[in-house]
Amino acid sequence: MITVQEENTLIDRILAGEKQLYAQLVDSYKSYAYTIAYKVTENKADAEEVAQDAFIKAFHYLKGFKRGARFSTWLYRIVFNTAISHKRKNKRVFQSIDRTFNHASETENTLEKEDKTVFIDQALNRLNEADRLSLQLFYLKEFSLEEVANIMGQKINTTKVRIHRARQRMADELKSILQKEALTL
């Protein structure tokens, strides 16, 4: 990851006309942009498209970038908003074949772990996009509360409350899912 000073120098040079240098910013943040887009869209092709669209938007609006925050934070907010918009426009429901079929040769522990993953995914998918993303950024990507708040465009206290409530909602969803699962056994 590049430093804030390197970021600002690059941005100054890009705004001064060295547009080819934008590729360095893209290279520095493309994996994070893709990760956020994927967490929202839950589809590899859509995530790639969203990340690309977000980089184009960021380039287009680079003149308006205020240096109070890092470029990465500003970019992640653009990615998040672009992904939400994309998902709303393209409401599709996909279920992975890997989750549908279990392989007979897998051990019990592997099956148990996969079952847990399936249930957690189901519970996460029942949450709204903002709750789901805040949990994924904080727990799976291990961003700090401040980083999650910046990415989501919220105050830190709002983010703390959102994560706490999202965890409670997820626990409720897991109880509901597991209760239904127990009834079918």
N, C-alpha and C. Protein backbone atom coordinates (compact mmCIF):
# COMPACT_ATOMS: atom_id res chain seq x y z
N MET A 1 0.84 -1.18 0.00
CA MET A 1 0.00 0.00 0.00
C MET A 1 0.89 1.25 0.00
N ILE A 2 0.44 2.26 -0.69
CA ILE A 2 1.26 3.47 -0.79
C ILE A 2 0.91 4.44 0.35
N THR A 3 1.86 5.31 0.64
CA THR A 3 1.65 6.26 1.74
C THR A 3 0.75 7.40 1.30
N VAL A 4 0.26 8.16 2.26
CA VAL A 4 -0.60 9.31 1.96
C VAL A 4 0.17 10.33 1.13
N GLN A 5 1.42 10.54 1.48
CA GLN A 5 2.24 11.50 0.73
C GLN A 5 2.40 11.06 -0.73
N GLU A 6 2.68 9.76 -0.94
CA GLU A 6 2.82 9.23 -2.31
C GLU A 6 1.49 9.36 -3.06
N GLU A 7 0.40 9.07 -2.36
CA GLU A 7 -0.94 9.22 -2.95
C GLU A 7 -1.16 10.64 -3.43
N ASN A 8 -0.90 11.60 -2.54
CA ASN A 8 -1.14 13.01 -2.87
C ASN A 8 -0.24 13.49 -4.01
N THR A 9 1.00 13.04 -4.03
CA THR A 9 1.91 13.40 -5.12
C THR A 9 1.40 12.84 -6.44
N LEU A 10 0.97 11.57 -6.42
CA LEU A 10 0.41 10.97 -7.63
C LEU A 10 -0.81 11.74 -8.12
N ILE A 11 -1.70 12.05 -7.20
CA ILE A 11 -2.93 12.76 -7.56
C ILE A 11 -2.60 14.14 -8.15
N ASP A 12 -1.66 14.85 -7.54
CA ASP A 12 -1.25 16.15 -8.07
C ASP A 12 -0.72 16.02 -9.49
N ARG A 13 0.10 15.01 -9.72
CA ARG A 13 0.67 14.81 -11.06
C ARG A 13 -0.41 14.40 -12.07
N ILE A 14 -1.37 13.58 -11.64
CA ILE A 14 -2.47 13.18 -12.53
C ILE A 14 -3.29 14.40 -12.90
N LEU A 15 -3.63 15.21 -11.91
CA LEU A 15 -4.42 16.42 -12.16
C LEU A 15 -3.65 17.44 -13.01
N ALA A 16 -2.32 17.37 -12.96
CA ALA A 16 -1.49 18.27 -13.76
C ALA A 16 -1.36 17.79 -15.21
N GLY A 17 -1.92 16.62 -15.51
CA GLY A 17 -1.91 16.16 -16.89
C GLY A 17 -1.26 14.82 -17.13
N GLU A 18 -0.61 14.24 -16.14
CA GLU A 18 0.03 12.94 -16.32
C GLU A 18 -0.98 11.82 -16.01
N LYS A 19 -1.98 11.72 -16.87
CA LYS A 19 -3.11 10.82 -16.64
C LYS A 19 -2.71 9.34 -16.58
N GLN A 20 -1.62 8.99 -17.24
CA GLN A 20 -1.17 7.59 -17.25
C GLN A 20 -0.77 7.11 -15.84
N LEU A 21 -0.47 8.03 -14.95
CA LEU A 21 -0.09 7.66 -13.58
C LEU A 21 -1.27 7.11 -12.77
N TYR A 22 -2.48 7.34 -13.27
CA TYR A 22 -3.67 6.83 -12.57
C TYR A 22 -3.59 5.30 -12.47
N ALA A 23 -2.91 4.66 -13.40
CA ALA A 23 -2.74 3.21 -13.38
C ALA A 23 -2.07 2.75 -12.09
N GLN A 24 -1.18 3.57 -11.53
CA GLN A 24 -0.52 3.22 -10.27
C GLN A 24 -1.52 3.18 -9.12
N LEU A 25 -2.45 4.13 -9.10
CA LEU A 25 -3.49 4.12 -8.07
C LEU A 25 -4.39 2.90 -8.25
N VAL A 26 -4.74 2.60 -9.49
CA VAL A 26 -5.57 1.43 -9.77
C VAL A 26 -4.87 0.17 -9.28
N ASP A 27 -3.59 0.02 -9.62
CA ASP A 27 -2.84 -1.16 -9.20
C ASP A 27 -2.77 -1.28 -7.68
N SER A 28 -2.65 -0.15 -7.00
CA SER A 28 -2.54 -0.17 -5.54
C SER A 28 -3.83 -0.60 -4.85
N TYR A 29 -4.98 -0.29 -5.45
CA TYR A 29 -6.25 -0.50 -4.76
C TYR A 29 -7.23 -1.43 -5.47
N LYS A 30 -6.80 -2.06 -6.55
CA LYS A 30 -7.75 -2.87 -7.30
C LYS A 30 -8.26 -4.09 -6.52
N SER A 31 -7.42 -4.72 -5.72
CA SER A 31 -7.88 -5.90 -4.99
C SER A 31 -8.87 -5.52 -3.89
N TYR A 32 -8.63 -4.41 -3.20
CA TYR A 32 -9.57 -3.97 -2.17
C TYR A 32 -10.90 -3.54 -2.80
N ALA A 33 -10.82 -2.84 -3.94
CA ALA A 33 -12.04 -2.40 -4.62
C ALA A 33 -12.84 -3.62 -5.07
N TYR A 34 -12.15 -4.61 -5.62
CA TYR A 34 -12.83 -5.83 -6.04
C TYR A 34 -13.47 -6.55 -4.85
N THR A 35 -12.75 -6.62 -3.75
CA THR A 35 -13.27 -7.31 -2.55
C THR A 35 -14.55 -6.66 -2.06
N ILE A 36 -14.57 -5.36 -1.97
CA ILE A 36 -15.78 -4.67 -1.51
C ILE A 36 -16.91 -4.88 -2.50
N ALA A 37 -16.61 -4.76 -3.78
CA ALA A 37 -17.64 -4.96 -4.80
C ALA A 37 -18.19 -6.39 -4.75
N TYR A 38 -17.31 -7.35 -4.53
CA TYR A 38 -17.74 -8.75 -4.47
C TYR A 38 -18.62 -9.01 -3.25
N LYS A 39 -18.28 -8.39 -2.12
CA LYS A 39 -19.06 -8.59 -0.90
C LYS A 39 -20.48 -8.08 -1.09
N VAL A 40 -20.66 -7.05 -1.91
CA VAL A 40 -22.00 -6.50 -2.14
C VAL A 40 -22.72 -7.27 -3.25
N THR A 41 -22.03 -7.51 -4.36
CA THR A 41 -22.70 -8.12 -5.52
C THR A 41 -22.78 -9.64 -5.44
N GLU A 42 -21.84 -10.25 -4.72
CA GLU A 42 -21.76 -11.70 -4.57
C GLU A 42 -21.63 -12.43 -5.91
N ASN A 43 -20.99 -11.77 -6.86
CA ASN A 43 -20.80 -12.34 -8.19
C ASN A 43 -19.49 -11.80 -8.74
N LYS A 44 -18.61 -12.71 -9.20
CA LYS A 44 -17.28 -12.30 -9.66
C LYS A 44 -17.33 -11.33 -10.84
N ALA A 45 -18.13 -11.66 -11.85
CA ALA A 45 -18.20 -10.79 -13.04
C ALA A 45 -18.76 -9.42 -12.68
N ASP A 46 -19.81 -9.39 -11.88
CA ASP A 46 -20.40 -8.12 -11.46
C ASP A 46 -19.41 -7.31 -10.63
N ALA A 47 -18.67 -7.99 -9.75
CA ALA A 47 -17.69 -7.30 -8.91
C ALA A 47 -16.60 -6.67 -9.77
N GLU A 48 -16.15 -7.38 -10.78
CA GLU A 48 -15.14 -6.82 -11.68
C GLU A 48 -15.67 -5.59 -12.40
N GLU A 49 -16.91 -5.69 -12.87
CA GLU A 49 -17.54 -4.57 -13.58
C GLU A 49 -17.71 -3.37 -12.64
N VAL A 50 -18.17 -3.62 -11.44
CA VAL A 50 -18.37 -2.55 -10.45
C VAL A 50 -17.04 -1.89 -10.11
N ALA A 51 -16.01 -2.68 -9.86
CA ALA A 51 -14.70 -2.12 -9.52
C ALA A 51 -14.19 -1.24 -10.66
N GLN A 52 -14.34 -1.72 -11.89
CA GLN A 52 -13.90 -0.95 -13.04
C GLN A 52 -14.70 0.36 -13.15
N ASP A 53 -16.02 0.27 -13.01
CA ASP A 53 -16.87 1.46 -13.06
C ASP A 53 -16.47 2.46 -11.97
N ALA A 54 -16.18 1.94 -10.79
CA ALA A 54 -15.80 2.81 -9.67
C ALA A 54 -14.49 3.53 -9.95
N PHE A 55 -13.52 2.83 -10.54
CA PHE A 55 -12.25 3.49 -10.87
C PHE A 55 -12.46 4.57 -11.93
N ILE A 56 -13.35 4.31 -12.87
CA ILE A 56 -13.65 5.31 -13.90
C ILE A 56 -14.31 6.53 -13.26
N LYS A 57 -15.27 6.29 -12.37
CA LYS A 57 -15.92 7.40 -11.66
C LYS A 57 -14.90 8.18 -10.83
N ALA A 58 -14.04 7.47 -10.12
CA ALA A 58 -13.04 8.14 -9.29
C ALA A 58 -12.13 9.01 -10.16
N PHE A 59 -11.73 8.50 -11.31
CA PHE A 59 -10.88 9.29 -12.21
C PHE A 59 -11.61 10.54 -12.68
N HIS A 60 -12.88 10.35 -13.04
CA HIS A 60 -13.69 11.45 -13.55
C HIS A 60 -13.86 12.55 -12.49
N TYR A 61 -14.03 12.16 -11.25
CA TYR A 61 -14.29 13.11 -10.17
C TYR A 61 -13.05 13.40 -9.32
N LEU A 62 -11.88 13.06 -9.80
CA LEU A 62 -10.65 13.23 -9.03
C LEU A 62 -10.41 14.69 -8.62
N LYS A 63 -10.84 15.63 -9.47
CA LYS A 63 -10.67 17.05 -9.14
C LYS A 63 -11.42 17.41 -7.85
N GLY A 64 -12.52 16.71 -7.58
CA GLY A 64 -13.33 17.00 -6.40
C GLY A 64 -12.88 16.28 -5.15
N PHE A 65 -11.83 15.48 -5.24
CA PHE A 65 -11.33 14.73 -4.08
C PHE A 65 -10.75 15.69 -3.06
N LYS A 66 -11.33 15.67 -1.87
CA LYS A 66 -10.84 16.51 -0.77
C LYS A 66 -9.83 15.68 0.01
N ARG A 67 -8.75 16.22 0.34
CA ARG A 67 -7.64 15.47 0.93
C ARG A 67 -7.77 15.29 2.44
N GLY A 68 -8.98 15.47 2.99
CA GLY A 68 -9.19 15.26 4.41
C GLY A 68 -9.09 13.79 4.79
N ALA A 69 -9.36 12.92 3.84
CA ALA A 69 -9.27 11.47 4.05
C ALA A 69 -8.32 10.90 3.00
N ARG A 70 -7.98 9.66 3.18
CA ARG A 70 -7.13 8.99 2.19
C ARG A 70 -7.90 8.76 0.89
N PHE A 71 -7.19 8.67 -0.20
CA PHE A 71 -7.80 8.35 -1.48
C PHE A 71 -8.51 7.02 -1.40
N SER A 72 -7.90 6.06 -0.70
CA SER A 72 -8.49 4.72 -0.60
C SER A 72 -9.87 4.76 0.04
N THR A 73 -10.03 5.56 1.07
CA THR A 73 -11.32 5.68 1.75
C THR A 73 -12.35 6.27 0.80
N TRP A 74 -11.97 7.31 0.09
CA TRP A 74 -12.85 7.96 -0.88
C TRP A 74 -13.22 6.97 -1.98
N LEU A 75 -12.24 6.23 -2.48
CA LEU A 75 -12.48 5.24 -3.52
C LEU A 75 -13.41 4.13 -3.04
N TYR A 76 -13.19 3.63 -1.83
CA TYR A 76 -14.01 2.54 -1.31
C TYR A 76 -15.47 2.97 -1.17
N ARG A 77 -15.68 4.24 -0.84
CA ARG A 77 -17.05 4.75 -0.76
C ARG A 77 -17.69 4.75 -2.15
N ILE A 78 -16.93 5.13 -3.15
CA ILE A 78 -17.43 5.11 -4.52
C ILE A 78 -17.74 3.67 -4.93
N VAL A 79 -16.84 2.74 -4.60
CA VAL A 79 -17.06 1.33 -4.94
C VAL A 79 -18.32 0.81 -4.26
N PHE A 80 -18.48 1.11 -2.98
CA PHE A 80 -19.65 0.65 -2.23
C PHE A 80 -20.94 1.18 -2.87
N ASN A 81 -20.99 2.48 -3.14
CA ASN A 81 -22.19 3.07 -3.74
C ASN A 81 -22.46 2.52 -5.13
N THR A 82 -21.41 2.33 -5.91
CA THR A 82 -21.56 1.77 -7.26
C THR A 82 -22.08 0.34 -7.18
N ALA A 83 -21.57 -0.43 -6.25
CA ALA A 83 -22.00 -1.82 -6.08
C ALA A 83 -23.47 -1.90 -5.66
N ILE A 84 -23.87 -1.05 -4.73
CA ILE A 84 -25.27 -1.04 -4.28
C ILE A 84 -26.17 -0.68 -5.46
N SER A 85 -25.80 0.34 -6.22
CA SER A 85 -26.60 0.74 -7.39
C SER A 85 -26.68 -0.39 -8.41
N HIS A 86 -25.55 -1.02 -8.65
CA HIS A 86 -25.49 -2.13 -9.61
C HIS A 86 -26.40 -3.28 -9.16
N LYS A 87 -26.32 -3.59 -7.88
CA LYS A 87 -27.11 -4.71 -7.36
C LYS A 87 -28.60 -4.41 -7.46
N ARG A 88 -28.98 -3.19 -7.18
CA ARG A 88 -30.40 -2.81 -7.28
C ARG A 88 -30.90 -2.90 -8.72
N LYS A 89 -30.05 -2.50 -9.66
CA LYS A 89 -30.43 -2.55 -11.08
C LYS A 89 -30.51 -3.97 -11.59
N ASN A 90 -29.67 -4.83 -11.10
CA ASN A 90 -29.56 -6.20 -11.61
C ASN A 90 -29.93 -7.23 -10.56
N LYS A 91 -31.14 -7.18 -10.09
CA LYS A 91 -31.57 -8.15 -9.07
C LYS A 91 -31.63 -9.53 -9.69
N ARG A 92 -30.64 -10.34 -9.37
CA ARG A 92 -30.60 -11.73 -9.81
C ARG A 92 -30.30 -12.59 -8.61
N VAL A 93 -30.85 -13.79 -8.62
CA VAL A 93 -30.59 -14.71 -7.52
C VAL A 93 -29.83 -15.89 -8.08
N PHE A 94 -28.61 -16.07 -7.57
CA PHE A 94 -27.78 -17.19 -7.96
C PHE A 94 -27.49 -18.04 -6.74
N GLN A 95 -27.45 -19.32 -6.96
CA GLN A 95 -27.00 -20.20 -5.89
C GLN A 95 -25.85 -21.01 -6.44
N SER A 96 -24.79 -21.03 -5.71
CA SER A 96 -23.61 -21.74 -6.14
C SER A 96 -23.87 -23.24 -6.18
N ILE A 97 -23.41 -23.89 -7.23
CA ILE A 97 -23.55 -25.34 -7.35
C ILE A 97 -22.78 -26.03 -6.24
N ASP A 98 -21.64 -25.43 -5.86
CA ASP A 98 -20.84 -26.02 -4.77
C ASP A 98 -21.63 -26.13 -3.48
N ARG A 99 -22.52 -25.20 -3.25
CA ARG A 99 -23.32 -25.23 -2.03
C ARG A 99 -24.50 -26.18 -2.17
N THR A 100 -24.92 -26.45 -3.38
CA THR A 100 -26.09 -27.28 -3.60
C THR A 100 -25.77 -28.76 -3.43
N PHE A 101 -24.62 -29.16 -3.90
CA PHE A 101 -24.27 -30.58 -3.86
C PHE A 101 -23.11 -30.83 -2.90
N ASN A 102 -23.24 -31.84 -2.09
CA ASN A 102 -22.14 -32.25 -1.21
C ASN A 102 -21.45 -33.44 -1.85
N HIS A 103 -20.15 -33.47 -1.75
CA HIS A 103 -19.40 -34.60 -2.30
C HIS A 103 -19.33 -35.71 -1.26
N ALA A 104 -19.63 -36.92 -1.67
CA ALA A 104 -19.71 -38.05 -0.74
C ALA A 104 -18.37 -38.38 -0.09
N SER A 105 -17.28 -38.05 -0.74
CA SER A 105 -15.97 -38.43 -0.22
C SER A 105 -15.45 -37.50 0.88
N GLU A 106 -16.16 -36.42 1.18
CA GLU A 106 -15.68 -35.49 2.20
C GLU A 106 -15.86 -36.07 3.60
N THR A 107 -14.97 -35.69 4.46
CA THR A 107 -15.04 -36.18 5.83
C THR A 107 -16.14 -35.46 6.60
N GLU A 108 -16.49 -36.00 7.76
CA GLU A 108 -17.53 -35.39 8.59
C GLU A 108 -17.17 -33.98 9.03
N ASN A 109 -15.92 -33.78 9.41
CA ASN A 109 -15.51 -32.45 9.85
C ASN A 109 -15.64 -31.43 8.73
N THR A 110 -15.28 -31.80 7.53
CA THR A 110 -15.39 -30.91 6.39
C THR A 110 -16.85 -30.59 6.12
N LEU A 111 -17.70 -31.61 6.19
CA LEU A 111 -19.13 -31.39 5.99
C LEU A 111 -19.70 -30.46 7.05
N GLU A 112 -19.29 -30.67 8.29
CA GLU A 112 -19.78 -29.82 9.39
C GLU A 112 -19.34 -28.37 9.17
N LYS A 113 -18.10 -28.18 8.76
CA LYS A 113 -17.59 -26.83 8.51
C LYS A 113 -18.34 -26.19 7.34
N GLU A 114 -18.60 -26.95 6.29
CA GLU A 114 -19.35 -26.43 5.14
C GLU A 114 -20.77 -26.07 5.55
N ASP A 115 -21.38 -26.92 6.40
CA ASP A 115 -22.73 -26.62 6.88
C ASP A 115 -22.75 -25.30 7.63
N LYS A 116 -21.77 -25.10 8.48
CA LYS A 116 -21.69 -23.85 9.23
C LYS A 116 -21.56 -22.67 8.27
N THR A 117 -20.71 -22.83 7.27
CA THR A 117 -20.52 -21.77 6.29
C THR A 117 -21.81 -21.46 5.55
N VAL A 118 -22.52 -22.51 5.16
CA VAL A 118 -23.79 -22.32 4.45
C VAL A 118 -24.78 -21.56 5.33
N PHE A 119 -24.89 -21.96 6.59
CA PHE A 119 -25.83 -21.30 7.49
C PHE A 119 -25.43 -19.84 7.74
N ILE A 120 -24.14 -19.61 7.89
CA ILE A 120 -23.67 -18.23 8.10
C ILE A 120 -23.95 -17.40 6.85
N ASP A 121 -23.69 -17.95 5.67
CA ASP A 121 -23.98 -17.24 4.42
C ASP A 121 -25.47 -16.94 4.30
N GLN A 122 -26.30 -17.92 4.64
CA GLN A 122 -27.75 -17.70 4.57
C GLN A 122 -28.16 -16.56 5.51
N ALA A 123 -27.63 -16.58 6.71
CA ALA A 123 -27.97 -15.53 7.68
C ALA A 123 -27.46 -14.17 7.20
N LEU A 124 -26.24 -14.12 6.69
CA LEU A 124 -25.71 -12.87 6.16
C LEU A 124 -26.56 -12.34 5.01
N ASN A 125 -27.00 -13.24 4.14
CA ASN A 125 -27.80 -12.82 2.99
C ASN A 125 -29.17 -12.29 3.38
N ARG A 126 -29.62 -12.60 4.56
CA ARG A 126 -30.91 -12.08 5.02
C ARG A 126 -30.78 -10.66 5.58
N LEU A 127 -29.55 -10.22 5.83
CA LEU A 127 -29.32 -8.86 6.33
C LEU A 127 -29.34 -7.87 5.18
N ASN A 128 -29.58 -6.60 5.48
CA ASN A 128 -29.52 -5.61 4.41
C ASN A 128 -28.05 -5.40 4.02
N GLU A 129 -27.84 -4.76 2.87
CA GLU A 129 -26.48 -4.63 2.32
C GLU A 129 -25.53 -3.93 3.28
N ALA A 130 -26.00 -2.86 3.92
CA ALA A 130 -25.12 -2.09 4.79
C ALA A 130 -24.69 -2.91 6.01
N ASP A 131 -25.64 -3.64 6.61
CA ASP A 131 -25.29 -4.49 7.76
C ASP A 131 -24.33 -5.59 7.35
N ARG A 132 -24.63 -6.24 6.23
CA ARG A 132 -23.79 -7.33 5.75
C ARG A 132 -22.37 -6.83 5.48
N LEU A 133 -22.25 -5.71 4.78
CA LEU A 133 -20.92 -5.19 4.45
C LEU A 133 -20.17 -4.77 5.69
N SER A 134 -20.85 -4.14 6.64
CA SER A 134 -20.14 -3.70 7.85
C SER A 134 -19.59 -4.90 8.63
N LEU A 135 -20.36 -5.98 8.72
CA LEU A 135 -19.87 -7.18 9.39
C LEU A 135 -18.70 -7.80 8.64
N GLN A 136 -18.82 -7.87 7.32
CA GLN A 136 -17.76 -8.48 6.52
C GLN A 136 -16.47 -7.66 6.57
N LEU A 137 -16.60 -6.34 6.48
CA LEU A 137 -15.40 -5.51 6.54
C LEU A 137 -14.72 -5.60 7.90
N PHE A 138 -15.53 -5.59 8.97
CA PHE A 138 -14.96 -5.59 10.32
C PHE A 138 -14.42 -6.96 10.71
N TYR A 139 -15.20 -8.02 10.48
CA TYR A 139 -14.79 -9.33 10.97
C TYR A 139 -13.99 -10.15 9.96
N LEU A 140 -14.36 -10.11 8.70
CA LEU A 140 -13.66 -10.93 7.72
C LEU A 140 -12.44 -10.23 7.14
N LYS A 141 -12.57 -8.95 6.82
CA LYS A 141 -11.44 -8.21 6.25
C LYS A 141 -10.61 -7.53 7.33
N GLU A 142 -11.11 -7.56 8.56
CA GLU A 142 -10.40 -7.04 9.72
C GLU A 142 -10.01 -5.57 9.60
N PHE A 143 -10.92 -4.76 9.00
CA PHE A 143 -10.72 -3.32 8.99
C PHE A 143 -11.03 -2.80 10.39
N SER A 144 -10.42 -1.69 10.76
CA SER A 144 -10.71 -1.06 12.06
C SER A 144 -12.09 -0.41 11.98
N LEU A 145 -12.63 -0.07 13.15
CA LEU A 145 -13.93 0.62 13.17
C LEU A 145 -13.85 1.93 12.39
N GLU A 146 -12.75 2.64 12.54
CA GLU A 146 -12.59 3.91 11.84
C GLU A 146 -12.58 3.70 10.32
N GLU A 147 -11.89 2.68 9.85
CA GLU A 147 -11.85 2.40 8.42
C GLU A 147 -13.23 2.01 7.90
N VAL A 148 -13.94 1.16 8.64
CA VAL A 148 -15.28 0.76 8.23
C VAL A 148 -16.19 1.99 8.19
N ALA A 149 -16.10 2.84 9.19
CA ALA A 149 -16.91 4.06 9.23
C ALA A 149 -16.61 4.95 8.02
N ASN A 150 -15.33 5.11 7.69
CA ASN A 150 -14.96 5.94 6.54
C ASN A 150 -15.46 5.34 5.23
N ILE A 151 -15.31 4.04 5.08
CA ILE A 151 -15.75 3.38 3.86
C ILE A 151 -17.25 3.53 3.68
N MET A 152 -17.98 3.40 4.79
CA MET A 152 -19.44 3.44 4.71
C MET A 152 -19.99 4.85 4.86
N GLY A 153 -19.12 5.84 5.06
CA GLY A 153 -19.56 7.22 5.15
C GLY A 153 -20.37 7.50 6.41
N GLN A 154 -19.95 6.91 7.52
CA GLN A 154 -20.67 7.06 8.77
C GLN A 154 -19.72 7.53 9.86
N LYS A 155 -20.31 7.97 10.98
CA LYS A 155 -19.50 8.28 12.16
C LYS A 155 -19.12 6.96 12.83
N ILE A 156 -18.05 6.98 13.60
CA ILE A 156 -17.56 5.76 14.26
C ILE A 156 -18.62 5.19 15.19
N ASN A 157 -19.28 6.04 15.97
CA ASN A 157 -20.31 5.54 16.89
C ASN A 157 -21.47 4.89 16.15
N THR A 158 -21.84 5.45 15.01
CA THR A 158 -22.90 4.86 14.19
C THR A 158 -22.47 3.49 13.70
N THR A 159 -21.20 3.39 13.31
CA THR A 159 -20.67 2.11 12.83
C THR A 159 -20.65 1.07 13.96
N LYS A 160 -20.24 1.49 15.16
CA LYS A 160 -20.24 0.57 16.30
C LYS A 160 -21.65 0.02 16.54
N VAL A 161 -22.62 0.92 16.53
CA VAL A 161 -24.01 0.51 16.76
C VAL A 161 -24.48 -0.39 15.64
N ARG A 162 -24.15 -0.04 14.38
CA ARG A 162 -24.57 -0.86 13.24
C ARG A 162 -24.00 -2.27 13.36
N ILE A 163 -22.72 -2.38 13.67
CA ILE A 163 -22.09 -3.70 13.79
C ILE A 163 -22.72 -4.49 14.93
N HIS A 164 -22.95 -3.84 16.05
CA HIS A 164 -23.57 -4.52 17.20
C HIS A 164 -24.97 -5.02 16.83
N ARG A 165 -25.78 -4.16 16.24
CA ARG A 165 -27.14 -4.55 15.87
C ARG A 165 -27.15 -5.59 14.76
N ALA A 166 -26.22 -5.46 13.83
CA ALA A 166 -26.12 -6.44 12.73
C ALA A 166 -25.76 -7.81 13.28
N ARG A 167 -24.87 -7.85 14.28
CA ARG A 167 -24.54 -9.13 14.92
C ARG A 167 -25.77 -9.74 15.59
N GLN A 168 -26.56 -8.90 16.25
CA GLN A 168 -27.78 -9.40 16.90
C GLN A 168 -28.76 -9.92 15.86
N ARG A 169 -28.94 -9.16 14.76
CA ARG A 169 -29.85 -9.61 13.70
C ARG A 169 -29.36 -10.91 13.08
N MET A 170 -28.05 -11.01 12.91
CA MET A 170 -27.49 -12.24 12.34
C MET A 170 -27.71 -13.41 13.28
N ALA A 171 -27.54 -13.20 14.56
CA ALA A 171 -27.80 -14.27 15.54
C ALA A 171 -29.25 -14.70 15.48
N ASP A 172 -30.16 -13.76 15.37
CA ASP A 172 -31.58 -14.09 15.26
C ASP A 172 -31.86 -14.88 13.99
N GLU A 173 -31.23 -14.46 12.89
CA GLU A 173 -31.41 -15.18 11.61
C GLU A 173 -30.85 -16.59 11.71
N LEU A 174 -29.69 -16.74 12.34
CA LEU A 174 -29.11 -18.08 12.51
C LEU A 174 -30.03 -18.98 13.34
N LYS A 175 -30.59 -18.43 14.41
CA LYS A 175 -31.53 -19.21 15.23
C LYS A 175 -32.72 -19.66 14.39
N SER A 176 -33.24 -18.76 13.59
CA SER A 176 -34.38 -19.09 12.74
C SER A 176 -34.02 -20.17 11.72
N ILE A 177 -32.88 -20.03 11.08
CA ILE A 177 -32.43 -20.99 10.07
C ILE A 177 -32.19 -22.36 10.71
N LEU A 178 -31.48 -22.36 11.84
CA LEU A 178 -31.14 -23.62 12.48
C LEU A 178 -32.37 -24.31 13.07
N GLN A 179 -33.32 -23.54 13.53
CA GLN A 179 -34.55 -24.13 14.03
C GLN A 179 -35.30 -24.82 12.89
N LYS A 180 -35.37 -24.18 11.74
CA LYS A 180 -36.04 -24.79 10.58
C LYS A 180 -35.27 -26.03 10.12
N GLU A 181 -33.95 -25.96 10.17
CA GLU A 181 -33.12 -27.10 9.78
C GLU A 181 -33.35 -28.27 10.73
N ALA A 182 -33.45 -28.00 12.02
CA ALA A 182 -33.66 -29.07 13.01
C ALA A 182 -35.01 -29.75 12.78
N LEU A 183 -36.00 -29.00 12.34
CA LEU A 183 -37.33 -29.56 12.10
C LEU A 183 -37.33 -30.52 10.90
N THR A 184 -36.42 -30.33 9.97
CA THR A 184 -36.37 -31.18 8.77
C THR A 184 -35.53 -32.44 8.97
N LEU A 185 -34.83 -32.55 10.10
CA LEU A 185 -33.97 -33.72 10.33
C LEU A 185 -34.75 -34.92 10.75
